[in-house]
C-alpha atoms as a PDB file:
ATOM      1  CA  MET A   1      29.590 -34.750 -26.908  1.00  0.00           C
ATOM      2  CA  GLY A   2      29.974 -37.836 -24.683  1.00  0.00           C
ATOM      3  CA  ALA A   3      27.677 -36.329 -22.036  1.00  0.00           C
ATOM      4  CA  ILE A   4      24.888 -35.825 -24.597  1.00  0.00           C
ATOM      5  CA  ALA A   5      25.184 -39.422 -25.836  1.00  0.00           C
ATOM      6  CA  GLU A   6      25.090 -40.681 -22.256  1.00  0.00           C
ATOM      7  CA  GLN A   7      21.934 -38.637 -21.528  1.00  0.00           C
ATOM      8  CA  ILE A   8      20.246 -39.970 -24.682  1.00  0.00           C
ATOM      9  CA  TYR A   9      21.243 -43.517 -23.713  1.00  0.00           C
ATOM     10  CA  LEU A  10      19.836 -43.076 -20.189  1.00  0.00           C
ATOM     11  CA  ALA A  11      16.614 -41.579 -21.576  1.00  0.00           C
ATOM     12  CA  ILE A  12      16.141 -44.553 -23.937  1.00  0.00           C
ATOM     13  CA  VAL A  13      16.848 -47.083 -21.167  1.00  0.00           C
ATOM     14  CA  SER A  14      14.401 -45.247 -18.872  1.00  0.00           C
ATOM     15  CA  MET A  15      11.666 -45.230 -21.528  1.00  0.00           C
ATOM     16  CA  LEU A  16      12.148 -48.929 -22.295  1.00  0.00           C
ATOM     17  CA  SER A  17      12.087 -49.799 -18.587  1.00  0.00           C
ATOM     18  CA  LEU A  18       8.941 -47.750 -18.062  1.00  0.00           C
ATOM     19  CA  ALA A  19       7.280 -49.366 -21.095  1.00  0.00           C
ATOM     20  CA  PHE A  20       8.212 -52.848 -19.858  1.00  0.00           C
ATOM     21  CA  PHE A  21       6.873 -52.342 -16.328  1.00  0.00           C
ATOM     22  CA  GLY A  22       3.793 -50.487 -17.604  1.00  0.00           C
ATOM     23  CA  GLY A  23       3.067 -53.372 -19.992  1.00  0.00           C
ATOM     24  CA  LEU A  24       3.573 -55.888 -17.192  1.00  0.00           C
ATOM     25  CA  ALA A  25       1.179 -53.962 -14.918  1.00  0.00           C
ATOM     26  CA  PHE A  26      -1.413 -53.790 -17.722  1.00  0.00           C
ATOM     27  CA  TYR A  27      -1.108 -57.550 -18.323  1.00  0.00           C
ATOM     28  CA  ILE A  28      -1.581 -58.330 -14.608  1.00  0.00           C
ATOM     29  CA  ILE A  29      -4.628 -56.048 -14.370  1.00  0.00           C
ATOM     30  CA  HIS A  30      -6.096 -57.485 -17.583  1.00  0.00           C
ATOM     31  CA  ALA A  31      -5.557 -61.089 -16.455  1.00  0.00           C
ATOM     32  CA  SER A  32      -6.986 -60.397 -12.992  1.00  0.00           C
ATOM     33  CA  ASN A  33     -10.249 -59.172 -14.477  1.00  0.00           C
ATOM     34  CA  SER A  34     -10.764 -62.046 -16.918  1.00  0.00           C
ATOM     35  CA  ARG A  35     -13.546 -63.615 -14.855  1.00  0.00           C
ATOM     36  CA  TRP A  36     -15.378 -60.283 -14.525  1.00  0.00           C
ATOM     37  CA  ARG A  37     -15.199 -59.945 -18.319  1.00  0.00           C
ATOM     38  CA  GLU A  38     -16.814 -63.387 -18.693  1.00  0.00           C
ATOM     39  CA  TYR A  39     -19.847 -61.946 -16.901  1.00  0.00           C
ATOM     40  CA  GLU A  40     -19.659 -58.726 -18.948  1.00  0.00           C
ATOM     41  CA  GLN A  41     -20.299 -60.708 -22.148  1.00  0.00           C
ATOM     42  CA  PHE A  42     -23.805 -61.562 -20.936  1.00  0.00           C
ATOM     43  CA  TYR A  43     -24.648 -59.146 -18.134  1.00  0.00           C
ATOM     44  CA  ALA A  44     -22.999 -55.771 -18.804  1.00  0.00           C
ATOM     45  CA  VAL A  45     -25.190 -52.788 -17.942  1.00  0.00           C
ATOM     46  CA  ILE A  46     -26.284 -51.125 -21.170  1.00  0.00           C
ATOM     47  CA  GLU A  47     -27.954 -48.079 -19.639  1.00  0.00           C
ATOM     48  CA  PRO A  48     -27.725 -46.728 -16.079  1.00  0.00           C
ATOM     49  CA  ARG A  49     -30.388 -47.994 -13.693  1.00  0.00           C
ATOM     50  CA  LYS A  50     -31.670 -46.395 -10.501  1.00  0.00           C
ATOM     51  CA  PRO A  51     -31.530 -48.974  -7.659  1.00  0.00           C
ATOM     52  CA  ILE A  52     -34.022 -49.315  -4.805  1.00  0.00           C
ATOM     53  CA  ALA A  53     -31.049 -49.448  -2.430  1.00  0.00           C
ATOM     54  CA  LYS A  54     -27.289 -49.335  -2.835  1.00  0.00           C
ATOM     55  CA  LYS A  55     -24.476 -50.407  -0.524  1.00  0.00           C
ATOM     56  CA  LEU A  56     -20.720 -50.879  -0.567  1.00  0.00           C
ATOM     57  CA  SER A  57     -20.446 -54.637  -0.195  1.00  0.00           C
ATOM     58  CA  GLY A  58     -16.765 -55.146   0.406  1.00  0.00           C
ATOM     59  CA  MET A  59     -15.092 -57.584  -1.915  1.00  0.00           C
ATOM     60  CA  VAL A  60     -16.502 -60.392  -4.021  1.00  0.00           C
ATOM     61  CA  ARG A  61     -14.702 -63.443  -5.333  1.00  0.00           C
ATOM     62  CA  ILE A  62     -15.266 -64.879  -8.777  1.00  0.00           C
ATOM     63  CA  SER A  63     -14.117 -68.485  -9.044  1.00  0.00           C
ATOM     64  CA  GLN A  64     -15.192 -72.052  -9.633  1.00  0.00           C
ATOM     65  CA  PRO A  65     -17.885 -73.353  -7.268  1.00  0.00           C
ATOM     66  CA  GLY A  66     -16.778 -75.269  -4.202  1.00  0.00           C
ATOM     67  CA  PHE A  67     -14.346 -74.725  -1.359  1.00  0.00           C
ATOM     68  CA  ARG A  68     -11.544 -72.398  -2.359  1.00  0.00           C
ATOM     69  CA  TRP A  69      -8.457 -71.222  -0.546  1.00  0.00           C
ATOM     70  CA  GLY A  70      -7.056 -68.650  -2.932  1.00  0.00           C
ATOM     71  CA  HIS A  71      -4.727 -69.923  -5.632  1.00  0.00           C
ATOM     72  CA  LEU A  72      -3.963 -73.046  -3.616  1.00  0.00           C
ATOM     73  CA  SER A  73      -7.279 -74.383  -4.959  1.00  0.00           C
ATOM     74  CA  GLY A  74      -5.843 -74.821  -8.444  1.00  0.00           C
ATOM     75  CA  ASP A  75      -8.185 -72.176  -9.887  1.00  0.00           C
ATOM     76  CA  LEU A  76      -5.558 -69.735 -11.116  1.00  0.00           C
ATOM     77  CA  LYS A  77      -8.192 -67.345 -12.483  1.00  0.00           C
ATOM     78  CA  SER A  78      -9.904 -67.035  -9.087  1.00  0.00           C
ATOM     79  CA  HIS A  79      -9.828 -63.364  -8.193  1.00  0.00           C
ATOM     80  CA  ARG A  80     -11.037 -61.212  -5.336  1.00  0.00           C
ATOM     81  CA  HIS A  81     -12.360 -57.931  -6.572  1.00  0.00           C
ATOM     82  CA  PRO A  82     -11.910 -54.957  -4.260  1.00  0.00           C
ATOM     83  CA  PRO A  83     -14.815 -52.928  -2.931  1.00  0.00           C
ATOM     84  CA  VAL A  84     -17.884 -53.636  -5.021  1.00  0.00           C
ATOM     85  CA  ILE A  85     -21.012 -51.492  -4.850  1.00  0.00           C
ATOM     86  CA  MET A  86     -24.194 -53.552  -4.991  1.00  0.00           C
ATOM     87  CA  GLY A  87     -27.510 -52.112  -6.093  1.00  0.00           C
ATOM     88  CA  VAL A  88     -30.843 -53.850  -5.486  1.00  0.00           C
ATOM     89  CA  HIS A  89     -33.546 -53.582  -8.154  1.00  0.00           C
ATOM     90  CA  ASP A  90     -37.006 -55.106  -8.521  1.00  0.00           C
ATOM     91  CA  ASP A  91     -35.706 -57.550 -11.114  1.00  0.00           C
ATOM     92  CA  GLY A  92     -32.044 -58.075 -10.210  1.00  0.00           C
ATOM     93  CA  LEU A  93     -28.777 -56.853  -8.716  1.00  0.00           C
ATOM     94  CA  THR A  94     -26.165 -54.476 -10.090  1.00  0.00           C
ATOM     95  CA  LEU A  95     -22.497 -54.883  -9.232  1.00  0.00           C
ATOM     96  CA  SER A  96     -19.991 -52.124  -9.793  1.00  0.00           C
ATOM     97  CA  ILE A  97     -16.346 -52.097  -8.778  1.00  0.00           C
ATOM     98  CA  ALA A  98     -15.672 -48.948  -6.766  1.00  0.00           C
ATOM     99  CA  PRO A  99     -13.302 -46.374  -8.229  1.00  0.00           C
ATOM    100  CA  PRO A 100     -10.285 -46.244  -8.523  1.00  0.00           C
ATOM    101  CA  PHE A 101     -10.159 -50.050  -8.754  1.00  0.00           C
ATOM    102  CA  ARG A 102     -12.402 -50.300 -11.832  1.00  0.00           C
ATOM    103  CA  TYR A 103      -9.656 -50.123 -14.470  1.00  0.00           C
ATOM    104  CA  GLY A 104     -11.894 -50.916 -17.410  1.00  0.00           C
ATOM    105  CA  CYS A 105     -14.545 -53.124 -15.797  1.00  0.00           C
ATOM    106  CA  ARG A 106     -18.120 -52.321 -16.754  1.00  0.00           C
ATOM    107  CA  ASP A 107     -21.025 -52.577 -14.308  1.00  0.00           C
ATOM    108  CA  LEU A 108     -22.972 -55.838 -14.216  1.00  0.00           C
ATOM    109  CA  PHE A 109     -26.724 -56.328 -13.996  1.00  0.00           C
ATOM    110  CA  LEU A 110     -27.626 -59.805 -12.737  1.00  0.00           C
ATOM    111  CA  PRO A 111     -31.349 -60.509 -13.347  1.00  0.00           C
ATOM    112  CA  PHE A 112     -33.098 -62.708 -10.812  1.00  0.00           C
ATOM    113  CA  ASP A 113     -34.722 -64.848 -13.511  1.00  0.00           C
ATOM    114  CA  LYS A 114     -31.285 -66.054 -14.683  1.00  0.00           C
ATOM    115  CA  MET A 115     -29.762 -66.354 -11.195  1.00  0.00           C
ATOM    116  CA  THR A 116     -29.337 -69.283  -8.833  1.00  0.00           C
ATOM    117  CA  ILE A 117     -27.982 -68.790  -5.324  1.00  0.00           C
ATOM    118  CA  GLU A 118     -26.098 -71.709  -3.808  1.00  0.00           C
ATOM    119  CA  PRO A 119     -24.366 -72.179  -0.443  1.00  0.00           C
ATOM    120  CA  ALA A 120     -20.655 -71.439  -0.742  1.00  0.00           C
ATOM    121  CA  SER A 121     -17.459 -71.514   1.292  1.00  0.00           C
ATOM    122  CA  TRP A 122     -14.943 -68.693   1.329  1.00  0.00           C
ATOM    123  CA  ASP A 123     -11.662 -69.455   3.045  1.00  0.00           C
ATOM    124  CA  LEU A 124     -12.637 -70.419   6.615  1.00  0.00           C
ATOM    125  CA  SER A 125     -16.242 -69.215   6.380  1.00  0.00           C
ATOM    126  CA  ASN A 126     -18.896 -71.742   5.363  1.00  0.00           C
ATOM    127  CA  ALA A 127     -21.896 -69.387   5.551  1.00  0.00           C
ATOM    128  CA  GLU A 128     -21.431 -67.449   2.318  1.00  0.00           C
ATOM    129  CA  TYR A 129     -23.437 -67.523  -0.914  1.00  0.00           C
ATOM    130  CA  GLY A 130     -22.457 -68.071  -4.531  1.00  0.00           C
ATOM    131  CA  LEU A 131     -24.408 -66.406  -7.338  1.00  0.00           C
ATOM    132  CA  GLN A 132     -24.494 -68.604 -10.429  1.00  0.00           C
ATOM    133  CA  MET A 133     -25.824 -67.154 -13.669  1.00  0.00           C
ATOM    134  CA  GLU A 134     -27.105 -68.736 -16.871  1.00  0.00           C
ATOM    135  CA  GLY A 135     -24.605 -68.586 -19.698  1.00  0.00           C
ATOM    136  CA  VAL A 136     -21.587 -68.290 -17.400  1.00  0.00           C
ATOM    137  CA  ASN A 137     -20.898 -71.925 -16.626  1.00  0.00           C
ATOM    138  CA  GLY A 138     -18.362 -73.222 -14.156  1.00  0.00           C
ATOM    139  CA  ILE A 139     -17.854 -70.009 -12.188  1.00  0.00           C
ATOM    140  CA  GLU A 140     -19.782 -68.133  -9.523  1.00  0.00           C
ATOM    141  CA  ILE A 141     -19.684 -64.796  -7.739  1.00  0.00           C
ATOM    142  CA  VAL A 142     -19.192 -65.424  -4.019  1.00  0.00           C
ATOM    143  CA  MET A 143     -20.444 -62.681  -1.726  1.00  0.00           C
ATOM    144  CA  PHE A 144     -20.477 -62.193   2.018  1.00  0.00           C
ATOM    145  CA  SER A 145     -23.722 -63.406   3.591  1.00  0.00           C
ATOM    146  CA  ASN A 146     -24.381 -60.166   5.501  1.00  0.00           C
ATOM    147  CA  ILE A 147     -24.540 -58.190   2.251  1.00  0.00           C
ATOM    148  CA  LEU A 148     -26.928 -60.612   0.581  1.00  0.00           C
ATOM    149  CA  ARG A 149     -29.111 -60.684   3.694  1.00  0.00           C
ATOM    150  CA  TRP A 150     -29.233 -56.881   3.588  1.00  0.00           C
ATOM    151  CA  ALA A 151     -30.246 -57.030  -0.081  1.00  0.00           C
ATOM    152  CA  ALA A 152     -32.863 -59.713   0.707  1.00  0.00           C
ATOM    153  CA  GLU A 153     -34.553 -57.243   3.062  1.00  0.00           C
ATOM    154  CA  LYS A 154     -35.141 -55.034   0.019  1.00  0.00           C
ATOM    155  CA  SER A 155     -36.224 -57.782  -2.417  1.00  0.00           C
ATOM    156  CA  GLU A 156     -38.747 -60.534  -1.788  1.00  0.00           C
ATOM    157  CA  ILE A 157     -37.420 -62.620  -4.698  1.00  0.00           C
ATOM    158  CA  LEU A 158     -33.884 -62.516  -3.327  1.00  0.00           C
ATOM    159  CA  ASP A 159     -35.172 -63.402   0.140  1.00  0.00           C
ATOM    160  CA  LEU A 160     -36.824 -66.545  -1.271  1.00  0.00           C
ATOM    161  CA  MET A 161     -33.614 -67.449  -3.105  1.00  0.00           C
ATOM    162  CA  LEU A 162     -31.594 -67.132   0.117  1.00  0.00           C
ATOM    163  CA  ARG A 163     -34.108 -69.263   2.020  1.00  0.00           C
ATOM    164  CA  ARG A 164     -33.756 -71.964  -0.636  1.00  0.00           C
ATOM    165  CA  ALA A 165     -29.945 -71.785  -0.353  1.00  0.00           C
ATOM    166  CA  GLU A 166     -30.197 -72.182   3.423  1.00  0.00           C
ATOM    167  CA  LEU A 167     -32.427 -75.246   2.985  1.00  0.00           C
ATOM    168  CA  VAL A 168     -29.847 -76.740   0.620  1.00  0.00           C
ATOM    169  CA  ARG A 169     -27.074 -75.939   3.116  1.00  0.00           C
ATOM    170  CA  GLY A 170     -29.060 -77.597   5.927  1.00  0.00           C
ATOM    171  CA  LEU A 171     -29.696 -80.725   3.853  1.00  0.00           C
ATOM    172  CA  ALA A 172     -26.017 -80.978   2.913  1.00  0.00           C
ATOM    173  CA  GLN A 173     -24.950 -80.749   6.567  1.00  0.00           C
ATOM    174  CA  ALA A 174     -27.495 -83.352   7.720  1.00  0.00           C
END
């Protein structure tokens, strides 16, 4: 009888441990995606859209504007999202976190008419761009410049926005 009680005890301890670590993992994943969810409130894709072009863009960072060096910047919600697929449309960009890293994040559609592109710094690189959207104040999506330049080849509006950002960058450095 003692062996049965010991097995039941071990099963209960195992289930509680699994529930604790599963809950902790869920909390970390949920907290890491809080900035993405701020964009989802305004810019979640309602129906699938067919892009002009699509490319795996590497990672994006969602954080407060300005120079950032990870969590040492004081922005504890700053998060780097793993491979993001970017689609270029006539009227905007779609961003989608690549599977299996999605864990509950919906795709975003960022319309050009609500977008501002500003020069941004990312770690040691000063040649990146930050996408700032209406309604989502105080944070921006920072993307690698090579990806946005690729997208600008497909969209005249985006090309003009990048040229403006480069003019702003040049004036700030002068």
